[in-house]
């Protein structure tokens, strides 16, 4: 059965609205994206032929500010996934209380099959086609799965050339030389690390005694693993699309990150004394203190949730746990820090980058990291407190705060005309 991640969003919103005592008309507009753009992107390939790629940019809400959200390059991108990701961005920005709504973009492509020149042509054409609806005060893209700072540089340059002058604030997650922010590359993973520390502190778990498994060693997973390793946690399992590795005494995370930093390298080619090879399913169900799913959506579902042995799950990816799995995990006493809180570090520092661009300022990295930690601590404490008060999960606590902020903004603005 195909699973629609947007149904996940709607089910959670309905439950939160009920707990908040909202009538349907209070939150009806939140259930629908404001704007959906589908584009066909023709690209001249290196062999002289032309391929057409399908792309999307969806703006879920701009009630609290410009839409904000990444651009994903992945072969499994589809409209329902992008809709769900855009909605999660709305709630993520609301839960950490930054003045943005939610948006998301994606192209159906496996970027590893394209040359750098083809990727650049694809990015520039896609940017041109979504240019009418993006901008520093409309919709501000960022990197996501399959994209990076280099791709964001192409987006910024293309949009700037179309407008005849440099507009760095159109996109975040850019190279530093183009107005990117110190600390942005690590921000999502740093937020995951901070939330892991906060929840372990609440549960009385010393981080030095914690074992950690990380599914997905892209930007978010690798940074989370490295920062937790630096905090003294024992990272015993990591994985990527090629499979996973396990070592009970703890893996050499800096060496793994160094190996993976070379384009094309996958964990299937990595060797370390004492390690054993595992698959992604074995990683998810490994006997660890903390599990960090940092890959794609719907990794923890009704089939495997009952076999999860981690005490704590901190969601590095967007939507890695299905609604059915949430119920099973809650019954089994697994504490879960939800995506819209756990991985919000990226959008918080994206906001800092946007503010710096608009004011033509540059903040020091330590200043950025300190501001991020302050923001994440405040958001975590608020979510934890309301979840305790309402005797509900941290996910529902996060949605109670986020939905309330979005609905109140909608009510204050009113429905025009």
Protein backbone atom coordinates (compact mmCIF):
# COMPACT_ATOMS: atom_id res chain seq x y z
CA UNK A 1 0.00 0.00 0.00
CA UNK A 2 1.43 3.41 -0.93
CA UNK A 3 1.68 5.77 2.00
CA UNK A 4 0.80 9.45 1.63
CA UNK A 5 2.87 11.55 4.04
CA UNK A 6 0.40 14.44 3.76
CA UNK A 7 -2.23 12.23 5.44
CA UNK A 8 0.22 12.02 8.35
CA UNK A 9 0.24 15.83 8.59
CA UNK A 10 -3.56 16.12 8.48
CA UNK A 11 -4.07 13.43 11.13
CA UNK A 12 -1.66 15.18 13.51
CA UNK A 13 -3.25 18.60 12.88
CA UNK A 14 -6.74 17.21 13.54
CA UNK A 15 -5.62 15.66 16.82
CA UNK A 16 -3.85 18.86 17.97
CA UNK A 17 -6.89 20.99 17.01
CA UNK A 18 -9.14 18.74 19.06
CA UNK A 19 -6.87 19.05 22.12
CA UNK A 20 -6.81 22.84 21.68
CA UNK A 21 -10.61 22.93 21.46
CA UNK A 22 -10.66 24.50 17.99
CA UNK A 23 -13.76 24.48 15.81
CA UNK A 24 -13.14 23.27 12.20
CA UNK A 25 -13.36 26.82 10.82
CA UNK A 26 -10.47 27.89 13.10
CA UNK A 27 -7.95 25.68 11.34
CA UNK A 28 -9.60 24.70 8.03
CA UNK A 29 -7.21 26.85 5.98
CA UNK A 30 -4.16 25.18 7.58
CA UNK A 31 -5.15 21.86 5.99
CA UNK A 32 -4.50 23.13 2.46
CA UNK A 33 -1.32 24.51 0.83
CA UNK A 34 -1.75 28.13 -0.29
CA UNK A 35 0.05 27.63 -3.59
CA UNK A 36 1.32 24.65 -5.61
CA UNK A 37 3.56 25.06 -8.66
CA UNK A 38 4.48 22.10 -10.89
CA UNK A 39 7.08 22.68 -13.60
CA UNK A 40 8.63 20.67 -16.43
CA UNK A 41 12.34 21.45 -16.56
CA UNK A 42 14.12 20.81 -19.88
CA UNK A 43 17.89 20.40 -19.59
CA UNK A 44 20.58 20.09 -22.27
CA UNK A 45 22.65 17.07 -21.22
CA UNK A 46 26.38 16.70 -21.76
CA UNK A 47 25.80 14.33 -24.70
CA UNK A 48 23.78 17.01 -26.52
CA UNK A 49 20.39 15.43 -25.84
CA UNK A 50 17.54 17.01 -23.88
CA UNK A 51 15.89 15.52 -20.80
CA UNK A 52 12.83 16.94 -19.08
CA UNK A 53 12.65 16.72 -15.27
CA UNK A 54 9.55 17.22 -13.13
CA UNK A 55 9.83 19.85 -10.38
CA UNK A 56 7.68 21.37 -7.67
CA UNK A 57 7.58 24.41 -5.39
CA UNK A 58 4.77 24.34 -2.84
CA UNK A 59 3.97 27.09 -0.34
CA UNK A 60 1.92 25.71 2.54
CA UNK A 61 1.50 28.91 4.56
CA UNK A 62 2.69 32.51 4.53
CA UNK A 63 0.48 33.65 7.42
CA UNK A 64 3.43 34.22 9.79
CA UNK A 65 5.92 35.42 7.17
CA UNK A 66 7.60 34.40 3.89
CA UNK A 67 7.51 30.69 3.03
CA UNK A 68 10.72 28.89 4.01
CA UNK A 69 11.98 25.47 3.04
CA UNK A 70 14.48 23.41 1.16
CA UNK A 71 14.83 22.14 -2.40
CA UNK A 72 15.22 18.36 -2.63
CA UNK A 73 16.85 16.47 -5.52
CA UNK A 74 15.80 12.80 -5.25
CA UNK A 75 14.45 10.17 -7.63
CA UNK A 76 11.45 9.50 -5.36
CA UNK A 77 10.28 13.11 -5.00
CA UNK A 78 6.53 13.47 -5.59
CA UNK A 79 3.90 16.15 -5.02
CA UNK A 80 2.40 14.62 -1.88
CA UNK A 81 5.84 14.35 -0.28
CA UNK A 82 6.63 18.00 -1.11
CA UNK A 83 3.21 19.09 0.27
CA UNK A 84 3.93 17.28 3.52
CA UNK A 85 7.43 18.73 3.78
CA UNK A 86 6.05 22.25 3.17
CA UNK A 87 3.46 21.79 5.93
CA UNK A 88 6.09 20.46 8.35
CA UNK A 89 8.11 23.62 7.64
CA UNK A 90 5.11 25.78 8.62
CA UNK A 91 4.91 24.05 11.99
CA UNK A 92 8.68 23.84 12.43
CA UNK A 93 9.05 27.61 12.01
CA UNK A 94 6.13 28.18 14.38
CA UNK A 95 7.41 25.87 17.13
CA UNK A 96 10.79 27.67 17.23
CA UNK A 97 8.94 31.00 16.85
CA UNK A 98 10.68 32.52 13.84
CA UNK A 99 8.71 34.76 11.43
CA UNK A 100 8.35 32.35 8.54
CA UNK A 101 5.71 30.15 6.98
CA UNK A 102 6.43 26.85 5.27
CA UNK A 103 7.43 25.95 1.73
CA UNK A 104 9.31 23.17 -0.03
CA UNK A 105 10.63 22.33 -3.47
CA UNK A 106 11.85 19.25 -5.23
CA UNK A 107 12.98 17.79 -8.53
CA UNK A 108 12.53 14.14 -9.51
CA UNK A 109 16.17 13.29 -10.21
CA UNK A 110 18.99 11.14 -8.87
CA UNK A 111 21.71 13.81 -8.63
CA UNK A 112 24.47 11.20 -8.48
CA UNK A 113 23.74 10.32 -12.13
CA UNK A 114 24.33 13.90 -13.37
CA UNK A 115 27.60 15.71 -13.98
CA UNK A 116 28.30 18.96 -12.12
CA UNK A 117 27.60 20.88 -15.36
CA UNK A 118 24.23 19.10 -15.81
CA UNK A 119 23.30 19.77 -12.18
CA UNK A 120 24.09 23.44 -12.64
CA UNK A 121 21.97 23.70 -15.81
CA UNK A 122 19.11 21.85 -14.07
CA UNK A 123 19.29 24.15 -11.05
CA UNK A 124 19.42 27.36 -13.09
CA UNK A 125 16.48 26.35 -15.29
CA UNK A 126 14.42 25.24 -12.28
CA UNK A 127 15.20 28.50 -10.46
CA UNK A 128 14.08 30.49 -13.50
CA UNK A 129 10.80 28.57 -13.61
CA UNK A 130 9.98 29.10 -9.91
CA UNK A 131 11.36 32.68 -9.87
CA UNK A 132 7.88 34.31 -10.09
CA UNK A 133 6.93 32.95 -6.65
CA UNK A 134 10.22 33.09 -4.70
CA UNK A 135 12.11 36.06 -3.26
CA UNK A 136 13.48 37.42 0.05
CA UNK A 137 10.02 38.60 1.13
CA UNK A 138 8.02 35.79 -0.54
CA UNK A 139 9.67 32.39 -0.34
CA UNK A 140 13.27 31.61 0.62
CA UNK A 141 14.65 28.20 -0.47
CA UNK A 142 17.48 26.30 1.25
CA UNK A 143 19.39 23.00 0.82
CA UNK A 144 17.71 19.65 1.46
CA UNK A 145 18.35 16.02 0.49
CA UNK A 146 20.51 15.92 -2.64
CA UNK A 147 21.39 19.63 -2.63
CA UNK A 148 24.09 21.66 -0.87
CA UNK A 149 25.68 25.11 -0.53
CA UNK A 150 27.04 24.99 -4.10
CA UNK A 151 23.53 24.40 -5.50
CA UNK A 152 22.19 27.29 -3.38
CA UNK A 153 24.91 29.51 -4.86
CA UNK A 154 23.57 28.73 -8.34
CA UNK A 155 20.02 29.52 -7.20
CA UNK A 156 21.15 32.85 -5.73
CA UNK A 157 23.13 33.78 -8.84
CA UNK A 158 20.33 32.85 -11.25
CA UNK A 159 17.70 34.83 -9.31
CA UNK A 160 20.11 37.78 -9.03
CA UNK A 161 20.87 37.76 -12.76
CA UNK A 162 17.14 37.73 -13.55
CA UNK A 163 16.74 40.84 -11.39
CA UNK A 164 19.90 42.64 -12.50
CA UNK A 165 21.59 42.91 -9.08
CA UNK A 166 22.85 40.67 -6.27
CA UNK A 167 20.06 39.40 -3.97
CA UNK A 168 21.75 37.13 -1.42
CA UNK A 169 18.66 36.98 0.85
CA UNK A 170 16.66 34.97 -1.74
CA UNK A 171 18.19 31.74 -0.46
CA UNK A 172 19.92 30.41 2.65
CA UNK A 173 22.54 27.72 3.12
CA UNK A 174 24.79 29.50 0.58
CA UNK A 175 28.60 29.45 0.49
CA UNK A 176 30.11 31.97 2.95
CA UNK A 177 31.57 33.95 0.05
CA UNK A 178 28.05 34.66 -1.23
CA UNK A 179 26.58 35.76 2.09
CA UNK A 180 26.14 32.40 3.77
CA UNK A 181 26.15 32.27 7.57
CA UNK A 182 28.86 30.89 9.80
CA UNK A 183 27.52 27.71 11.40
CA UNK A 184 24.78 27.09 8.80
CA UNK A 185 26.28 23.88 7.41
CA UNK A 186 26.25 22.24 10.84
CA UNK A 187 23.05 23.86 12.12
CA UNK A 188 20.54 21.03 11.58
CA UNK A 189 22.86 18.41 13.01
CA UNK A 190 23.79 20.72 15.89
CA UNK A 191 20.09 21.16 16.69
CA UNK A 192 19.68 17.35 16.73
CA UNK A 193 22.67 17.07 19.08
CA UNK A 194 21.29 19.78 21.39
CA UNK A 195 17.85 18.15 21.54
CA UNK A 196 19.51 14.81 22.31
CA UNK A 197 21.36 16.42 25.23
CA UNK A 198 18.19 18.13 26.47
CA UNK A 199 16.03 14.98 26.42
CA UNK A 200 18.76 12.83 28.02
CA UNK A 201 19.08 15.46 30.74
CA UNK A 202 15.30 15.31 31.39
CA UNK A 203 15.39 11.52 31.54
CA UNK A 204 18.45 11.38 33.81
CA UNK A 205 20.69 9.75 31.17
CA UNK A 206 24.35 10.81 31.20
CA UNK A 207 25.40 11.38 27.58
CA UNK A 208 28.76 9.67 28.30
CA UNK A 209 26.82 6.49 29.12
CA UNK A 210 24.57 6.70 26.06
CA UNK A 211 24.90 4.56 22.94
CA UNK A 212 23.68 6.06 19.66
CA UNK A 213 22.61 4.72 16.24
CA UNK A 214 22.28 7.11 13.29
CA UNK A 215 20.33 6.16 10.16
CA UNK A 216 21.47 8.32 7.24
CA UNK A 217 24.97 9.81 7.10
CA UNK A 218 24.23 12.80 4.90
CA UNK A 219 24.74 16.32 6.22
CA UNK A 220 22.32 16.00 9.15
CA UNK A 221 23.25 12.49 10.26
CA UNK A 222 27.01 12.91 9.95
CA UNK A 223 27.07 16.22 11.85
CA UNK A 224 24.75 14.81 14.55
CA UNK A 225 26.99 11.74 14.92
CA UNK A 226 30.20 13.78 15.07
CA UNK A 227 28.90 16.34 17.58
CA UNK A 228 27.47 13.61 19.85
CA UNK A 229 30.79 11.74 19.59
CA UNK A 230 32.51 14.97 20.70
CA UNK A 231 30.08 15.19 23.64
CA UNK A 232 31.23 11.75 24.79
CA UNK A 233 28.39 9.58 23.47
CA UNK A 234 29.31 6.18 22.01
CA UNK A 235 28.05 6.05 18.41
CA UNK A 236 27.83 2.31 17.75
CA UNK A 237 25.93 2.18 14.43
CA UNK A 238 25.58 4.35 11.34
CA UNK A 239 24.14 3.72 7.88
CA UNK A 240 23.54 5.21 4.44
CA UNK A 241 21.87 3.98 1.23
CA UNK A 242 24.58 1.34 0.78
CA UNK A 243 23.98 -0.26 4.19
CA UNK A 244 25.25 0.15 7.73
CA UNK A 245 28.10 -0.67 10.10
CA UNK A 246 28.08 -1.59 13.79
CA UNK A 247 30.76 -1.69 16.48
CA UNK A 248 29.78 -2.27 20.11
CA UNK A 249 32.84 -0.38 21.45
CA UNK A 250 31.92 2.69 19.38
CA UNK A 251 32.84 3.71 15.83
CA UNK A 252 35.55 6.19 14.84
CA UNK A 253 33.11 8.88 13.73
CA UNK A 254 35.69 11.52 12.66
CA UNK A 255 37.33 8.93 10.37
CA UNK A 256 33.93 7.93 8.92
CA UNK A 257 32.98 11.58 8.29
CA UNK A 258 36.34 12.21 6.62
CA UNK A 259 35.82 9.17 4.36
CA UNK A 260 32.25 10.15 3.42
CA UNK A 261 33.24 13.75 2.64
CA UNK A 262 34.74 12.64 -0.69
CA UNK A 263 32.10 12.73 -3.47
CA UNK A 264 30.85 9.27 -4.35
CA UNK A 265 32.12 7.52 -1.21
CA UNK A 266 29.59 5.29 0.58
CA UNK A 267 29.77 3.30 3.80
CA UNK A 268 29.90 0.04 1.79
CA UNK A 269 33.53 0.89 1.02
CA UNK A 270 34.56 1.91 4.55
CA UNK A 271 36.62 -0.42 6.75
CA UNK A 272 37.37 -0.22 10.47
CA UNK A 273 38.81 -2.88 12.80
CA UNK A 274 36.11 -4.64 14.82
CA UNK A 275 33.12 -3.40 12.82
CA UNK A 276 30.40 -5.61 11.36
CA UNK A 277 28.09 -4.85 8.46
CA UNK A 278 24.36 -4.46 9.12
CA UNK A 279 21.39 -3.35 7.05
CA UNK A 280 19.19 -0.33 7.71
CA UNK A 281 16.47 -2.43 9.36
CA UNK A 282 19.01 -3.90 11.79
CA UNK A 283 20.23 -0.39 12.60
CA UNK A 284 16.72 0.86 13.38
CA UNK A 285 16.09 -2.03 15.77
CA UNK A 286 19.56 -2.08 17.38
CA UNK A 287 19.85 -2.06 21.17
CA UNK A 288 20.89 1.55 21.82
CA UNK A 289 19.98 4.42 24.12
CA UNK A 290 19.28 6.91 21.32
CA UNK A 291 18.15 6.29 17.74
CA UNK A 292 18.48 9.15 15.26
CA UNK A 293 16.61 8.50 11.98
CA UNK A 294 18.20 11.08 9.66
CA UNK A 295 17.38 9.62 6.24
CA UNK A 296 13.94 9.90 4.58
CA UNK A 297 10.24 9.71 5.52
CA UNK A 298 8.36 6.67 6.85
CA UNK A 299 11.37 4.66 8.02
CA UNK A 300 9.73 3.65 11.31
CA UNK A 301 6.32 2.14 10.55
CA UNK A 302 3.75 -0.28 11.92
CA UNK A 303 5.89 -3.25 10.79
CA UNK A 304 9.09 -2.39 12.68
CA UNK A 305 8.00 0.00 15.47
CA UNK A 306 7.35 -2.86 17.89
CA UNK A 307 10.95 -4.03 17.47
CA UNK A 308 12.53 -0.65 18.26
CA UNK A 309 14.76 -1.10 21.32
CA UNK A 310 16.03 2.48 21.70
CA UNK A 311 14.83 4.36 24.79
CA UNK A 312 14.84 7.67 22.92
CA UNK A 313 14.27 8.64 19.28
CA UNK A 314 15.40 12.05 18.03
CA UNK A 315 14.08 12.69 14.52
CA UNK A 316 16.85 14.12 12.35
CA UNK A 317 14.82 13.57 9.15
CA UNK A 318 11.43 15.02 8.31
CA UNK A 319 8.56 12.58 8.88
CA UNK A 320 10.60 9.43 9.56
CA UNK A 321 7.86 7.95 11.80
CA UNK A 322 4.33 7.09 10.65
CA UNK A 323 1.21 7.83 12.72
CA UNK A 324 0.72 4.09 13.38
CA UNK A 325 4.32 3.75 14.56
CA UNK A 326 3.90 6.74 16.88
CA UNK A 327 1.10 4.94 18.72
CA UNK A 328 3.17 1.75 19.09
CA UNK A 329 6.24 3.65 20.33
CA UNK A 330 4.16 5.57 22.86
CA UNK A 331 2.64 2.33 24.22
CA UNK A 332 6.13 0.84 24.51
CA UNK A 333 7.42 3.85 26.47
CA UNK A 334 9.81 5.13 23.80
CA UNK A 335 10.35 8.89 24.20
CA UNK A 336 10.39 10.64 20.80
CA UNK A 337 11.63 14.18 20.09
CA UNK A 338 9.72 15.13 16.91
CA UNK A 339 11.16 16.39 13.64
CA UNK A 340 9.55 19.84 13.81
CA UNK A 341 11.55 20.46 16.99
CA UNK A 342 14.58 18.16 16.72
CA UNK A 343 15.79 19.20 13.27
CA UNK A 344 14.71 22.85 13.40
CA UNK A 345 18.31 24.04 13.92
CA UNK A 346 18.73 24.43 10.16
CA UNK A 347 15.81 26.78 9.72
CA UNK A 348 16.76 28.78 12.83
CA UNK A 349 20.24 29.47 11.42
CA UNK A 350 18.70 30.03 7.97
CA UNK A 351 16.69 32.79 9.63
CA UNK A 352 19.92 34.20 11.09
CA UNK A 353 21.49 34.09 7.61
CA UNK A 354 18.52 35.92 6.08
CA UNK A 355 18.67 38.61 8.79
CA UNK A 356 22.42 39.06 8.20
CA UNK A 357 21.84 39.37 4.42
CA UNK A 358 19.07 41.93 4.80
CA UNK A 359 21.25 44.04 7.12
CA UNK A 360 24.56 43.41 5.29
CA UNK A 361 26.11 42.05 8.49
CA UNK A 362 28.22 39.00 9.38
CA UNK A 363 28.00 37.30 12.77
CA UNK A 364 30.79 35.23 14.33
CA UNK A 365 30.27 31.44 14.38
CA UNK A 366 30.26 31.29 18.18
CA UNK A 367 27.60 34.00 18.24
CA UNK A 368 25.47 32.00 15.78
CA UNK A 369 25.89 28.78 17.79
CA UNK A 370 25.05 30.53 21.07
CA UNK A 371 21.90 32.09 19.57
CA UNK A 372 20.91 28.69 18.15
CA UNK A 373 21.37 26.94 21.51
CA UNK A 374 19.32 29.63 23.27
CA UNK A 375 16.50 29.31 20.71
CA UNK A 376 16.50 25.49 20.78
CA UNK A 377 16.54 25.35 24.57
CA UNK A 378 13.56 27.71 24.81
CA UNK A 379 11.60 25.73 22.20
CA UNK A 380 12.44 22.36 23.80
CA UNK A 381 11.47 23.52 27.29
CA UNK A 382 8.16 24.94 26.01
CA UNK A 383 7.30 21.70 24.20
CA UNK A 384 8.33 19.52 27.15
CA UNK A 385 6.29 21.62 29.58
CA UNK A 386 3.05 21.54 27.54
CA UNK A 387 3.45 17.79 26.86
CA UNK A 388 3.76 17.19 30.62
CA UNK A 389 0.81 19.46 31.36
CA UNK A 390 -1.46 17.85 28.75
CA UNK A 391 -0.10 14.34 29.48
CA UNK A 392 0.68 13.79 25.83
CA UNK A 393 3.70 13.05 23.61
CA UNK A 394 6.40 15.55 22.71
CA UNK A 395 5.20 15.42 19.10
CA UNK A 396 1.72 16.47 20.14
CA UNK A 397 3.20 19.08 22.49
CA UNK A 398 5.13 20.59 19.57
CA UNK A 399 2.02 20.63 17.36
CA UNK A 400 -0.08 22.22 20.12
CA UNK A 401 2.36 25.14 20.30
CA UNK A 402 2.86 25.41 16.53
CA UNK A 403 -0.80 25.11 15.50
CA UNK A 404 -1.84 27.65 18.14
CA UNK A 405 0.66 30.18 16.75
CA UNK A 406 -0.44 29.64 13.14
CA UNK A 407 -4.17 29.76 13.98
CA UNK A 408 -3.79 32.90 16.13
CA UNK A 409 -1.86 34.64 13.34
CA UNK A 410 -4.63 33.65 10.90
CA UNK A 411 -7.31 35.00 13.26
CA UNK A 412 -5.51 38.29 13.80
CA UNK A 413 -5.06 38.76 10.04
CA UNK A 414 -8.60 37.64 9.22
CA UNK A 415 -9.79 36.05 6.01
CA UNK A 416 -9.51 38.54 3.12
CA UNK A 417 -11.65 40.06 1.61
